Amino acid sequence: MAATVRGLAVEEIAEIVECLLLGAASAEQHAPLPADRRGALADALGDALDDLPARALR
């Protein structure tokens, strides 16, 4: 899976990751498949943020 995110600051993308993780945790008992997908997407976005060069984080 791939996603292109444009026009957002790093802080905004980090907030999206946080929301996905919260959504995954809240859906885990009632909807495990969507919870797993949200968690995987959050992990992928978080990993991509970690791979950004330091100058992009300013």
N, C-alpha and C. Protein backbone atom coordinates (compact mmCIF):
# COMPACT_ATOMS: atom_id res chain seq x y z
N MET A 1 0.85 -1.17 0.00
CA MET A 1 0.00 0.00 0.00
C MET A 1 0.90 1.23 0.00
N ALA A 2 0.47 2.25 -0.70
CA ALA A 2 1.22 3.50 -0.75
C ALA A 2 0.26 4.66 -0.55
N ALA A 3 0.79 5.71 0.02
CA ALA A 3 0.00 6.92 0.20
C ALA A 3 0.89 8.11 -0.07
N THR A 4 0.33 9.10 -0.73
CA THR A 4 1.04 10.35 -0.94
C THR A 4 0.31 11.42 -0.15
N VAL A 5 1.04 12.08 0.71
CA VAL A 5 0.45 13.13 1.55
C VAL A 5 1.15 14.43 1.20
N ARG A 6 0.37 15.39 0.74
CA ARG A 6 0.93 16.68 0.34
C ARG A 6 0.19 17.79 1.06
N GLY A 7 0.91 18.86 1.29
CA GLY A 7 0.29 20.05 1.84
C GLY A 7 0.07 20.02 3.34
N LEU A 8 0.62 19.02 4.01
CA LEU A 8 0.48 18.95 5.46
C LEU A 8 1.85 19.07 6.11
N ALA A 9 1.87 19.70 7.26
CA ALA A 9 3.11 19.78 8.03
C ALA A 9 3.36 18.45 8.72
N VAL A 10 4.59 18.22 9.08
CA VAL A 10 4.96 16.97 9.76
C VAL A 10 4.12 16.80 11.03
N GLU A 11 3.88 17.88 11.74
CA GLU A 11 3.09 17.81 12.97
C GLU A 11 1.67 17.33 12.69
N GLU A 12 1.12 17.75 11.56
CA GLU A 12 -0.23 17.32 11.19
C GLU A 12 -0.28 15.84 10.83
N ILE A 13 0.75 15.37 10.16
CA ILE A 13 0.81 13.94 9.84
C ILE A 13 0.98 13.13 11.11
N ALA A 14 1.79 13.63 12.04
CA ALA A 14 1.96 12.94 13.33
C ALA A 14 0.63 12.88 14.07
N GLU A 15 -0.17 13.91 13.95
CA GLU A 15 -1.49 13.91 14.59
C GLU A 15 -2.41 12.87 13.94
N ILE A 16 -2.30 12.71 12.64
CA ILE A 16 -3.08 11.69 11.94
C ILE A 16 -2.68 10.30 12.44
N VAL A 17 -1.38 10.08 12.61
CA VAL A 17 -0.88 8.81 13.13
C VAL A 17 -1.47 8.54 14.51
N GLU A 18 -1.45 9.56 15.34
CA GLU A 18 -2.00 9.42 16.70
C GLU A 18 -3.49 9.08 16.66
N CYS A 19 -4.23 9.74 15.79
CA CYS A 19 -5.67 9.46 15.67
C CYS A 19 -5.93 8.04 15.15
N LEU A 20 -5.12 7.60 14.20
CA LEU A 20 -5.27 6.23 13.70
C LEU A 20 -5.01 5.22 14.81
N LEU A 21 -4.00 5.46 15.63
CA LEU A 21 -3.71 4.55 16.74
C LEU A 21 -4.85 4.54 17.76
N LEU A 22 -5.39 5.69 18.06
CA LEU A 22 -6.53 5.76 18.99
C LEU A 22 -7.75 5.05 18.40
N GLY A 23 -7.98 5.26 17.11
CA GLY A 23 -9.10 4.59 16.45
C GLY A 23 -8.93 3.08 16.42
N ALA A 24 -7.70 2.63 16.21
CA ALA A 24 -7.42 1.19 16.20
C ALA A 24 -7.68 0.60 17.58
N ALA A 25 -7.23 1.29 18.61
CA ALA A 25 -7.42 0.78 19.97
C ALA A 25 -8.89 0.72 20.35
N SER A 26 -9.66 1.73 19.92
CA SER A 26 -11.07 1.75 20.30
C SER A 26 -11.89 0.73 19.51
N ALA A 27 -11.44 0.35 18.32
CA ALA A 27 -12.19 -0.59 17.48
C ALA A 27 -11.74 -2.03 17.65
N GLU A 28 -10.68 -2.24 18.40
CA GLU A 28 -10.05 -3.56 18.48
C GLU A 28 -11.01 -4.67 18.88
N GLN A 29 -11.85 -4.45 19.87
CA GLN A 29 -12.75 -5.50 20.34
C GLN A 29 -13.93 -5.74 19.40
N HIS A 30 -14.46 -4.69 18.81
CA HIS A 30 -15.68 -4.80 18.02
C HIS A 30 -15.44 -4.97 16.53
N ALA A 31 -14.30 -4.49 16.06
CA ALA A 31 -14.00 -4.56 14.62
C ALA A 31 -12.50 -4.78 14.45
N PRO A 32 -12.04 -6.01 14.67
CA PRO A 32 -10.60 -6.25 14.65
C PRO A 32 -9.92 -6.02 13.30
N LEU A 33 -10.60 -6.31 12.20
CA LEU A 33 -9.97 -6.11 10.89
C LEU A 33 -9.71 -4.63 10.61
N PRO A 34 -10.71 -3.75 10.75
CA PRO A 34 -10.41 -2.32 10.57
C PRO A 34 -9.39 -1.80 11.58
N ALA A 35 -9.42 -2.33 12.79
CA ALA A 35 -8.44 -1.91 13.79
C ALA A 35 -7.03 -2.28 13.34
N ASP A 36 -6.87 -3.48 12.80
CA ASP A 36 -5.55 -3.89 12.30
C ASP A 36 -5.10 -3.02 11.14
N ARG A 37 -6.02 -2.67 10.26
CA ARG A 37 -5.68 -1.81 9.11
C ARG A 37 -5.28 -0.42 9.57
N ARG A 38 -6.01 0.13 10.53
CA ARG A 38 -5.66 1.45 11.07
C ARG A 38 -4.28 1.41 11.72
N GLY A 39 -4.03 0.35 12.48
CA GLY A 39 -2.73 0.22 13.13
C GLY A 39 -1.60 0.09 12.13
N ALA A 40 -1.82 -0.69 11.08
CA ALA A 40 -0.79 -0.86 10.05
C ALA A 40 -0.52 0.45 9.31
N LEU A 41 -1.57 1.19 9.02
CA LEU A 41 -1.40 2.47 8.35
C LEU A 41 -0.66 3.45 9.25
N ALA A 42 -1.01 3.47 10.53
CA ALA A 42 -0.32 4.34 11.48
C ALA A 42 1.16 3.98 11.56
N ASP A 43 1.46 2.69 11.61
CA ASP A 43 2.86 2.25 11.65
C ASP A 43 3.62 2.67 10.40
N ALA A 44 2.98 2.50 9.24
CA ALA A 44 3.64 2.87 7.98
C ALA A 44 3.91 4.37 7.91
N LEU A 45 2.92 5.17 8.29
CA LEU A 45 3.12 6.62 8.29
C LEU A 45 4.18 7.03 9.31
N GLY A 46 4.13 6.42 10.48
CA GLY A 46 5.14 6.73 11.50
C GLY A 46 6.54 6.37 11.03
N ASP A 47 6.68 5.23 10.38
CA ASP A 47 7.99 4.82 9.85
C ASP A 47 8.46 5.80 8.78
N ALA A 48 7.54 6.25 7.93
CA ALA A 48 7.90 7.22 6.89
C ALA A 48 8.35 8.53 7.51
N LEU A 49 7.69 8.97 8.58
CA LEU A 49 8.11 10.19 9.27
C LEU A 49 9.49 10.01 9.88
N ASP A 50 9.76 8.84 10.42
CA ASP A 50 11.07 8.56 11.01
C ASP A 50 12.18 8.60 9.95
N ASP A 51 11.84 8.27 8.71
CA ASP A 51 12.83 8.22 7.64
C ASP A 51 13.10 9.58 7.00
N LEU A 52 12.30 10.60 7.33
CA LEU A 52 12.51 11.92 6.76
C LEU A 52 13.83 12.50 7.24
N PRO A 53 14.52 13.23 6.37
CA PRO A 53 15.74 13.91 6.81
C PRO A 53 15.40 14.96 7.87
N ALA A 54 16.34 15.23 8.73
CA ALA A 54 16.11 16.17 9.84
C ALA A 54 15.64 17.53 9.37
N ARG A 55 16.12 17.99 8.22
CA ARG A 55 15.73 19.33 7.73
C ARG A 55 14.25 19.38 7.35
N ALA A 56 13.65 18.24 7.03
CA ALA A 56 12.23 18.21 6.68
C ALA A 56 11.34 18.33 7.91
N LEU A 57 11.90 18.08 9.08
CA LEU A 57 11.12 18.11 10.30
C LEU A 57 11.02 19.49 10.90
N ARG A 58 11.65 20.46 10.30
CA ARG A 58 11.62 21.84 10.83
C ARG A 58 10.41 22.58 10.38
